[in-house]
Amino acid sequence: MAEYIFVIYSCQKNLDHAKQMYDFYFSNSETMNDLQMKVLILYGDTTISSDFMLIENKYLVLNVEDSYECLNLKTLKLAKAVYTLYPSIIGCFKCDDDVIINMNSLIYFVKTFNINNKFDYAGHVCVAKESESNNLHLNNKNIPTIANIKTPMSLYCGGPLY
């Protein structure tokens, strides 16, 4: 049974690249079993009839637009799907389909993780300072417009792997 889920974020047009990453980094079933890690390739497809579906025990397809603009919704739906499919996991890793994974660091992290030292997030935290005039790009019928908005200070996750 998997204790960790590792998700490669991709899109339908980049599935070949994501599959190459999957094969290169995660094809050693002995290592994956030792780490108790399940690896999935994620993409969106609004034509599926359910919230998500698992294909070939490798592809997690979410009922969400497969676009950059919908990444936040894709992440939310990923969390819901992972919680439904694997309710007893310890953690979930996420990486983009265009990164080089430091497998030694990943293995070290999993092997030295102490369940008693709980934390919610192990990635890179970004800080956005409060601003009176941040620009928000709005798309209206594919015509980009810009509006100035006031945004509060916030923390968010960032980077290609978290």
N, C-alpha and C. Protein backbone atom coordinates (compact mmCIF):
# COMPACT_ATOMS: atom_id res chain seq x y z
N MET A 1 0.84 -1.18 0.00
CA MET A 1 0.00 0.00 0.00
C MET A 1 0.89 1.24 0.00
N ALA A 2 0.50 2.24 -0.77
CA ALA A 2 1.28 3.46 -0.90
C ALA A 2 1.12 4.35 0.33
N GLU A 3 2.25 4.85 0.80
CA GLU A 3 2.23 5.86 1.86
C GLU A 3 2.40 7.26 1.28
N TYR A 4 2.98 7.32 0.08
CA TYR A 4 3.22 8.59 -0.59
C TYR A 4 2.70 8.51 -2.02
N ILE A 5 2.19 9.63 -2.48
CA ILE A 5 1.78 9.77 -3.87
C ILE A 5 2.69 10.82 -4.49
N PHE A 6 3.22 10.52 -5.66
CA PHE A 6 4.03 11.48 -6.40
C PHE A 6 3.29 11.75 -7.71
N VAL A 7 2.97 13.02 -7.96
CA VAL A 7 2.18 13.39 -9.12
C VAL A 7 3.01 14.23 -10.08
N ILE A 8 3.04 13.82 -11.33
CA ILE A 8 3.67 14.59 -12.39
C ILE A 8 2.56 15.38 -13.08
N TYR A 9 2.55 16.71 -12.87
CA TYR A 9 1.56 17.58 -13.53
C TYR A 9 1.89 17.67 -15.00
N SER A 10 0.90 17.40 -15.84
CA SER A 10 1.11 17.50 -17.26
C SER A 10 -0.19 17.98 -17.92
N CYS A 11 -0.20 17.93 -19.23
CA CYS A 11 -1.39 18.22 -20.01
C CYS A 11 -1.39 17.24 -21.18
N GLN A 12 -2.50 17.16 -21.85
CA GLN A 12 -2.62 16.16 -22.91
C GLN A 12 -1.54 16.31 -23.99
N LYS A 13 -1.18 17.54 -24.31
CA LYS A 13 -0.19 17.73 -25.38
C LYS A 13 1.22 17.34 -24.94
N ASN A 14 1.49 17.25 -23.62
CA ASN A 14 2.82 16.89 -23.13
C ASN A 14 2.88 15.50 -22.50
N LEU A 15 1.90 14.67 -22.76
CA LEU A 15 1.88 13.35 -22.11
C LEU A 15 3.08 12.49 -22.47
N ASP A 16 3.58 12.61 -23.70
CA ASP A 16 4.76 11.82 -24.07
C ASP A 16 5.95 12.18 -23.20
N HIS A 17 6.12 13.48 -22.96
CA HIS A 17 7.23 13.93 -22.11
C HIS A 17 7.04 13.46 -20.66
N ALA A 18 5.82 13.57 -20.16
CA ALA A 18 5.54 13.13 -18.79
C ALA A 18 5.77 11.62 -18.65
N LYS A 19 5.40 10.86 -19.67
CA LYS A 19 5.63 9.40 -19.66
C LYS A 19 7.12 9.10 -19.65
N GLN A 20 7.91 9.88 -20.40
CA GLN A 20 9.36 9.69 -20.38
C GLN A 20 9.92 9.95 -18.98
N MET A 21 9.43 11.00 -18.32
CA MET A 21 9.86 11.27 -16.94
C MET A 21 9.49 10.10 -16.03
N TYR A 22 8.27 9.64 -16.16
CA TYR A 22 7.77 8.53 -15.37
C TYR A 22 8.70 7.32 -15.54
N ASP A 23 8.99 6.98 -16.79
CA ASP A 23 9.84 5.82 -17.07
C ASP A 23 11.27 6.02 -16.59
N PHE A 24 11.80 7.22 -16.73
CA PHE A 24 13.19 7.48 -16.36
C PHE A 24 13.39 7.48 -14.84
N TYR A 25 12.52 8.19 -14.12
CA TYR A 25 12.71 8.37 -12.69
C TYR A 25 12.04 7.31 -11.82
N PHE A 26 10.96 6.74 -12.29
CA PHE A 26 10.15 5.91 -11.40
C PHE A 26 9.92 4.50 -11.90
N SER A 27 10.73 4.03 -12.85
CA SER A 27 10.52 2.70 -13.41
C SER A 27 11.05 1.59 -12.52
N ASN A 28 11.89 1.92 -11.54
CA ASN A 28 12.44 0.90 -10.67
C ASN A 28 11.40 0.53 -9.61
N SER A 29 10.68 -0.55 -9.87
CA SER A 29 9.59 -0.93 -8.97
C SER A 29 10.10 -1.31 -7.58
N GLU A 30 11.33 -1.81 -7.51
CA GLU A 30 11.90 -2.14 -6.19
C GLU A 30 12.07 -0.88 -5.34
N THR A 31 12.59 0.19 -5.93
CA THR A 31 12.74 1.46 -5.22
C THR A 31 11.38 2.03 -4.84
N MET A 32 10.43 2.02 -5.77
CA MET A 32 9.10 2.57 -5.49
C MET A 32 8.41 1.77 -4.38
N ASN A 33 8.56 0.44 -4.39
CA ASN A 33 7.98 -0.37 -3.33
C ASN A 33 8.66 -0.10 -2.00
N ASP A 34 9.98 0.07 -2.04
CA ASP A 34 10.72 0.37 -0.82
C ASP A 34 10.27 1.71 -0.23
N LEU A 35 10.04 2.69 -1.09
CA LEU A 35 9.57 4.00 -0.64
C LEU A 35 8.08 4.02 -0.35
N GLN A 36 7.39 2.96 -0.72
CA GLN A 36 5.93 2.88 -0.62
C GLN A 36 5.29 4.08 -1.31
N MET A 37 5.74 4.30 -2.56
CA MET A 37 5.32 5.47 -3.31
C MET A 37 4.58 5.05 -4.58
N LYS A 38 3.45 5.69 -4.81
CA LYS A 38 2.66 5.52 -6.03
C LYS A 38 2.87 6.77 -6.88
N VAL A 39 3.18 6.59 -8.15
CA VAL A 39 3.44 7.71 -9.05
C VAL A 39 2.32 7.79 -10.09
N LEU A 40 1.83 9.00 -10.28
CA LEU A 40 0.74 9.25 -11.23
C LEU A 40 1.08 10.40 -12.16
N ILE A 41 0.62 10.31 -13.38
CA ILE A 41 0.71 11.41 -14.33
C ILE A 41 -0.67 12.05 -14.39
N LEU A 42 -0.72 13.35 -14.18
CA LEU A 42 -1.98 14.08 -14.06
C LEU A 42 -2.23 14.96 -15.28
N TYR A 43 -3.44 14.92 -15.79
CA TYR A 43 -3.87 15.86 -16.81
C TYR A 43 -5.38 16.07 -16.72
N GLY A 44 -5.86 17.09 -17.39
CA GLY A 44 -7.28 17.42 -17.36
C GLY A 44 -7.99 17.01 -18.63
N ASP A 45 -9.27 16.67 -18.48
CA ASP A 45 -10.10 16.32 -19.62
C ASP A 45 -11.56 16.55 -19.23
N THR A 46 -12.18 17.57 -19.79
CA THR A 46 -13.57 17.90 -19.42
C THR A 46 -14.60 16.98 -20.06
N THR A 47 -14.16 16.03 -20.88
CA THR A 47 -15.12 15.12 -21.51
C THR A 47 -15.40 13.88 -20.66
N ILE A 48 -14.67 13.68 -19.57
CA ILE A 48 -14.95 12.50 -18.75
C ILE A 48 -16.23 12.74 -17.96
N SER A 49 -16.91 11.65 -17.61
CA SER A 49 -18.23 11.76 -16.99
C SER A 49 -18.20 11.81 -15.47
N SER A 50 -17.02 11.69 -14.87
CA SER A 50 -16.91 11.74 -13.41
C SER A 50 -15.91 12.83 -13.03
N ASP A 51 -15.75 13.06 -11.73
CA ASP A 51 -14.81 14.08 -11.26
C ASP A 51 -13.37 13.73 -11.61
N PHE A 52 -13.07 12.44 -11.60
CA PHE A 52 -11.74 11.96 -11.96
C PHE A 52 -11.81 10.51 -12.37
N MET A 53 -10.78 10.05 -13.04
CA MET A 53 -10.66 8.63 -13.34
C MET A 53 -9.19 8.24 -13.38
N LEU A 54 -8.92 7.00 -13.02
CA LEU A 54 -7.58 6.46 -13.02
C LEU A 54 -7.48 5.52 -14.21
N ILE A 55 -6.50 5.76 -15.08
CA ILE A 55 -6.31 4.95 -16.28
C ILE A 55 -4.98 4.19 -16.15
N GLU A 56 -5.06 2.89 -16.37
CA GLU A 56 -3.88 2.01 -16.34
C GLU A 56 -3.10 2.13 -15.03
N ASN A 57 -3.76 2.56 -13.98
CA ASN A 57 -3.13 2.73 -12.67
C ASN A 57 -1.91 3.67 -12.75
N LYS A 58 -1.90 4.55 -13.76
CA LYS A 58 -0.78 5.45 -13.99
C LYS A 58 -1.22 6.88 -14.26
N TYR A 59 -2.32 7.05 -14.96
CA TYR A 59 -2.80 8.38 -15.35
C TYR A 59 -4.00 8.77 -14.49
N LEU A 60 -3.89 9.91 -13.83
CA LEU A 60 -5.01 10.46 -13.08
C LEU A 60 -5.59 11.58 -13.94
N VAL A 61 -6.79 11.36 -14.43
CA VAL A 61 -7.45 12.32 -15.31
C VAL A 61 -8.52 13.03 -14.50
N LEU A 62 -8.45 14.35 -14.48
CA LEU A 62 -9.41 15.16 -13.73
C LEU A 62 -10.37 15.84 -14.69
N ASN A 63 -11.60 16.00 -14.24
CA ASN A 63 -12.59 16.71 -15.03
C ASN A 63 -12.38 18.21 -14.82
N VAL A 64 -11.40 18.75 -15.55
CA VAL A 64 -11.01 20.15 -15.44
C VAL A 64 -10.36 20.56 -16.77
N GLU A 65 -10.46 21.83 -17.09
CA GLU A 65 -9.80 22.33 -18.30
C GLU A 65 -8.30 22.01 -18.20
N ASP A 66 -7.73 21.63 -19.30
CA ASP A 66 -6.32 21.24 -19.36
C ASP A 66 -5.47 22.43 -19.80
N SER A 67 -5.55 23.53 -19.02
CA SER A 67 -4.88 24.76 -19.42
C SER A 67 -4.12 25.35 -18.23
N TYR A 68 -3.19 26.25 -18.56
CA TYR A 68 -2.41 26.93 -17.53
C TYR A 68 -3.30 27.73 -16.60
N GLU A 69 -4.34 28.34 -17.15
CA GLU A 69 -5.23 29.18 -16.35
C GLU A 69 -6.00 28.39 -15.30
N CYS A 70 -6.12 27.10 -15.49
CA CYS A 70 -6.89 26.26 -14.55
C CYS A 70 -6.00 25.45 -13.61
N LEU A 71 -4.73 25.81 -13.48
CA LEU A 71 -3.85 25.05 -12.60
C LEU A 71 -4.32 25.04 -11.15
N ASN A 72 -4.85 26.17 -10.68
CA ASN A 72 -5.30 26.19 -9.28
C ASN A 72 -6.48 25.24 -9.08
N LEU A 73 -7.40 25.19 -10.03
CA LEU A 73 -8.52 24.26 -9.93
C LEU A 73 -8.04 22.82 -10.08
N LYS A 74 -7.06 22.61 -10.94
CA LYS A 74 -6.48 21.28 -11.12
C LYS A 74 -5.86 20.80 -9.80
N THR A 75 -5.20 21.70 -9.10
CA THR A 75 -4.59 21.34 -7.81
C THR A 75 -5.65 21.00 -6.77
N LEU A 76 -6.69 21.79 -6.70
CA LEU A 76 -7.78 21.52 -5.76
C LEU A 76 -8.44 20.17 -6.07
N LYS A 77 -8.71 19.91 -7.34
CA LYS A 77 -9.33 18.64 -7.71
C LYS A 77 -8.38 17.47 -7.50
N LEU A 78 -7.08 17.72 -7.67
CA LEU A 78 -6.10 16.68 -7.38
C LEU A 78 -6.17 16.29 -5.91
N ALA A 79 -6.19 17.28 -5.02
CA ALA A 79 -6.24 16.99 -3.59
C ALA A 79 -7.48 16.18 -3.24
N LYS A 80 -8.61 16.53 -3.82
CA LYS A 80 -9.84 15.79 -3.55
C LYS A 80 -9.75 14.36 -4.08
N ALA A 81 -9.21 14.19 -5.28
CA ALA A 81 -9.10 12.85 -5.86
C ALA A 81 -8.13 11.98 -5.06
N VAL A 82 -6.98 12.54 -4.68
CA VAL A 82 -6.00 11.77 -3.91
C VAL A 82 -6.58 11.38 -2.56
N TYR A 83 -7.29 12.29 -1.93
CA TYR A 83 -7.91 11.98 -0.63
C TYR A 83 -8.94 10.86 -0.78
N THR A 84 -9.67 10.86 -1.88
CA THR A 84 -10.67 9.81 -2.13
C THR A 84 -10.01 8.48 -2.44
N LEU A 85 -9.00 8.50 -3.32
CA LEU A 85 -8.35 7.27 -3.75
C LEU A 85 -7.40 6.68 -2.70
N TYR A 86 -6.72 7.54 -1.97
CA TYR A 86 -5.68 7.10 -1.03
C TYR A 86 -5.84 7.81 0.31
N PRO A 87 -6.90 7.53 1.05
CA PRO A 87 -7.19 8.30 2.27
C PRO A 87 -6.18 8.13 3.40
N SER A 88 -5.35 7.11 3.35
CA SER A 88 -4.42 6.89 4.46
C SER A 88 -2.97 7.27 4.13
N ILE A 89 -2.73 7.99 3.03
CA ILE A 89 -1.35 8.34 2.70
C ILE A 89 -0.78 9.33 3.70
N ILE A 90 0.53 9.35 3.77
CA ILE A 90 1.24 10.30 4.64
C ILE A 90 1.42 11.63 3.92
N GLY A 91 1.72 11.58 2.62
CA GLY A 91 1.99 12.82 1.90
C GLY A 91 1.88 12.66 0.41
N CYS A 92 1.82 13.82 -0.26
CA CYS A 92 1.70 13.87 -1.71
C CYS A 92 2.73 14.86 -2.25
N PHE A 93 3.54 14.41 -3.18
CA PHE A 93 4.51 15.27 -3.87
C PHE A 93 3.92 15.66 -5.22
N LYS A 94 4.29 16.84 -5.69
CA LYS A 94 3.85 17.33 -6.98
C LYS A 94 5.04 17.89 -7.72
N CYS A 95 5.17 17.57 -8.99
CA CYS A 95 6.20 18.22 -9.80
C CYS A 95 5.64 18.48 -11.18
N ASP A 96 6.21 19.43 -11.86
CA ASP A 96 5.83 19.74 -13.23
C ASP A 96 6.50 18.74 -14.18
N ASP A 97 6.03 18.70 -15.40
CA ASP A 97 6.56 17.72 -16.36
C ASP A 97 7.81 18.20 -17.09
N ASP A 98 8.42 19.29 -16.59
CA ASP A 98 9.60 19.82 -17.26
C ASP A 98 10.76 20.04 -16.29
N VAL A 99 10.85 19.22 -15.26
CA VAL A 99 11.92 19.39 -14.27
C VAL A 99 12.81 18.16 -14.22
N ILE A 100 13.99 18.37 -13.68
CA ILE A 100 14.90 17.26 -13.39
C ILE A 100 14.73 16.96 -11.91
N ILE A 101 14.35 15.76 -11.60
CA ILE A 101 14.07 15.37 -10.21
C ILE A 101 15.35 14.88 -9.55
N ASN A 102 15.64 15.43 -8.39
CA ASN A 102 16.78 14.96 -7.60
C ASN A 102 16.30 13.75 -6.79
N MET A 103 16.46 12.57 -7.38
CA MET A 103 15.95 11.36 -6.74
C MET A 103 16.63 11.08 -5.41
N ASN A 104 17.91 11.43 -5.30
CA ASN A 104 18.60 11.21 -4.02
C ASN A 104 17.94 12.03 -2.91
N SER A 105 17.60 13.27 -3.20
CA SER A 105 16.94 14.11 -2.19
C SER A 105 15.55 13.59 -1.87
N LEU A 106 14.82 13.16 -2.89
CA LEU A 106 13.48 12.63 -2.67
C LEU A 106 13.54 11.38 -1.79
N ILE A 107 14.44 10.48 -2.12
CA ILE A 107 14.59 9.24 -1.33
C ILE A 107 15.00 9.57 0.09
N TYR A 108 15.96 10.49 0.25
CA TYR A 108 16.40 10.87 1.59
C TYR A 108 15.24 11.46 2.39
N PHE A 109 14.45 12.34 1.77
CA PHE A 109 13.32 12.96 2.47
C PHE A 109 12.34 11.89 2.96
N VAL A 110 11.98 10.98 2.07
CA VAL A 110 11.01 9.95 2.45
C VAL A 110 11.58 9.03 3.52
N LYS A 111 12.83 8.65 3.38
CA LYS A 111 13.44 7.72 4.34
C LYS A 111 13.65 8.34 5.72
N THR A 112 13.86 9.64 5.78
CA THR A 112 14.14 10.28 7.08
C THR A 112 12.94 11.01 7.65
N PHE A 113 11.82 10.97 6.94
CA PHE A 113 10.62 11.65 7.43
C PHE A 113 10.16 11.01 8.73
N ASN A 114 9.88 11.83 9.71
CA ASN A 114 9.40 11.36 11.00
C ASN A 114 7.93 11.74 11.12
N ILE A 115 7.07 10.75 11.17
CA ILE A 115 5.63 10.99 11.22
C ILE A 115 5.23 11.82 12.43
N ASN A 116 6.04 11.80 13.49
CA ASN A 116 5.73 12.58 14.69
C ASN A 116 6.07 14.05 14.53
N ASN A 117 6.89 14.38 13.55
CA ASN A 117 7.27 15.76 13.27
C ASN A 117 6.40 16.26 12.12
N LYS A 118 5.12 16.42 12.38
CA LYS A 118 4.15 16.74 11.33
C LYS A 118 4.30 18.16 10.83
N PHE A 119 4.11 18.34 9.54
CA PHE A 119 4.02 19.64 8.91
C PHE A 119 3.13 19.50 7.69
N ASP A 120 2.52 20.60 7.31
CA ASP A 120 1.56 20.57 6.22
C ASP A 120 2.19 20.77 4.85
N TYR A 121 3.38 21.35 4.82
CA TYR A 121 3.94 21.74 3.53
C TYR A 121 5.46 21.70 3.61
N ALA A 122 6.10 21.11 2.61
CA ALA A 122 7.56 20.99 2.62
C ALA A 122 8.20 21.62 1.39
N GLY A 123 7.48 22.47 0.69
CA GLY A 123 8.01 23.09 -0.51
C GLY A 123 8.52 24.49 -0.27
N HIS A 124 8.61 25.25 -1.33
CA HIS A 124 9.10 26.62 -1.30
C HIS A 124 7.94 27.57 -1.04
N VAL A 125 8.03 28.34 0.04
CA VAL A 125 6.97 29.29 0.38
C VAL A 125 7.32 30.65 -0.22
N CYS A 126 6.38 31.23 -0.93
CA CYS A 126 6.55 32.56 -1.52
C CYS A 126 5.69 33.55 -0.75
N VAL A 127 6.15 34.79 -0.69
CA VAL A 127 5.41 35.83 0.00
C VAL A 127 5.07 36.92 -1.00
N ALA A 128 3.80 37.25 -1.07
CA ALA A 128 3.35 38.38 -1.89
C ALA A 128 2.98 39.50 -0.93
N LYS A 129 3.67 40.62 -1.02
CA LYS A 129 3.39 41.75 -0.14
C LYS A 129 2.10 42.44 -0.56
N GLU A 130 1.48 43.10 0.40
CA GLU A 130 0.26 43.84 0.08
C GLU A 130 0.60 44.90 -0.96
N SER A 131 -0.30 45.07 -1.89
CA SER A 131 -0.06 46.04 -2.96
C SER A 131 -1.36 46.75 -3.31
N GLU A 132 -1.23 48.01 -3.62
CA GLU A 132 -2.38 48.82 -4.02
C GLU A 132 -2.66 48.71 -5.51
N SER A 133 -1.66 48.32 -6.29
CA SER A 133 -1.86 48.39 -7.74
C SER A 133 -1.29 47.17 -8.47
N ASN A 134 -1.63 46.00 -8.01
CA ASN A 134 -1.26 44.81 -8.76
C ASN A 134 -2.09 44.75 -10.03
N ASN A 135 -1.50 44.24 -11.08
CA ASN A 135 -2.23 44.10 -12.33
C ASN A 135 -2.85 42.72 -12.42
N LEU A 136 -4.11 42.68 -12.74
CA LEU A 136 -4.83 41.43 -12.95
C LEU A 136 -5.18 41.34 -14.42
N HIS A 137 -4.75 40.26 -15.05
CA HIS A 137 -5.05 40.08 -16.46
C HIS A 137 -6.40 39.38 -16.58
N LEU A 138 -7.29 39.99 -17.30
CA LEU A 138 -8.63 39.45 -17.50
C LEU A 138 -8.78 39.08 -18.97
N ASN A 139 -9.34 37.90 -19.22
CA ASN A 139 -9.60 37.51 -20.60
C ASN A 139 -11.09 37.56 -20.86
N ASN A 140 -11.45 38.34 -21.84
CA ASN A 140 -12.83 38.45 -22.24
C ASN A 140 -12.88 38.15 -23.73
N LYS A 141 -13.36 36.97 -24.08
CA LYS A 141 -13.41 36.54 -25.48
C LYS A 141 -12.04 36.66 -26.13
N ASN A 142 -11.02 36.16 -25.39
CA ASN A 142 -9.64 36.13 -25.86
C ASN A 142 -9.03 37.50 -26.11
N ILE A 143 -9.63 38.55 -25.56
CA ILE A 143 -9.05 39.89 -25.65
C ILE A 143 -8.51 40.24 -24.27
N PRO A 144 -7.19 40.21 -24.10
CA PRO A 144 -6.65 40.48 -22.76
C PRO A 144 -6.83 41.95 -22.35
N THR A 145 -7.31 42.14 -21.15
CA THR A 145 -7.40 43.48 -20.58
C THR A 145 -6.73 43.44 -19.22
N ILE A 146 -6.35 44.59 -18.71
CA ILE A 146 -5.65 44.64 -17.42
C ILE A 146 -6.43 45.56 -16.49
N ALA A 147 -6.61 45.07 -15.26
CA ALA A 147 -7.28 45.88 -14.23
C ALA A 147 -6.35 45.99 -13.03
N ASN A 148 -6.32 47.14 -12.40
CA ASN A 148 -5.55 47.31 -11.17
C ASN A 148 -6.41 46.91 -9.99
N ILE A 149 -5.85 46.08 -9.13
CA ILE A 149 -6.58 45.62 -7.96
C ILE A 149 -5.70 45.75 -6.72
N LYS A 150 -6.33 45.82 -5.56
CA LYS A 150 -5.60 45.81 -4.30
C LYS A 150 -5.56 44.37 -3.80
N THR A 151 -4.38 43.89 -3.51
CA THR A 151 -4.25 42.53 -3.02
C THR A 151 -3.65 42.53 -1.63
N PRO A 152 -4.14 41.64 -0.77
CA PRO A 152 -3.58 41.54 0.58
C PRO A 152 -2.27 40.76 0.56
N MET A 153 -1.50 40.88 1.63
CA MET A 153 -0.30 40.07 1.78
C MET A 153 -0.74 38.61 1.87
N SER A 154 0.01 37.74 1.22
CA SER A 154 -0.35 36.32 1.27
C SER A 154 0.88 35.45 1.13
N LEU A 155 0.76 34.23 1.60
CA LEU A 155 1.77 33.20 1.43
C LEU A 155 1.21 32.18 0.45
N TYR A 156 2.06 31.68 -0.41
CA TYR A 156 1.61 30.65 -1.33
C TYR A 156 2.77 29.74 -1.67
N CYS A 157 2.46 28.57 -2.18
CA CYS A 157 3.52 27.62 -2.54
C CYS A 157 3.97 27.92 -3.95
N GLY A 158 5.21 27.58 -4.23
CA GLY A 158 5.74 27.85 -5.55
C GLY A 158 6.86 26.92 -5.90
N GLY A 159 7.31 27.03 -7.11
CA GLY A 159 8.40 26.21 -7.58
C GLY A 159 7.90 24.99 -8.35
N PRO A 160 8.81 24.27 -8.99
CA PRO A 160 8.42 23.15 -9.82
C PRO A 160 8.16 21.86 -9.05
N LEU A 161 8.57 21.78 -7.79
CA LEU A 161 8.36 20.57 -7.00
C LEU A 161 8.00 20.95 -5.59
N TYR A 162 6.86 20.50 -5.15
CA TYR A 162 6.46 20.70 -3.76
C TYR A 162 5.50 19.62 -3.34
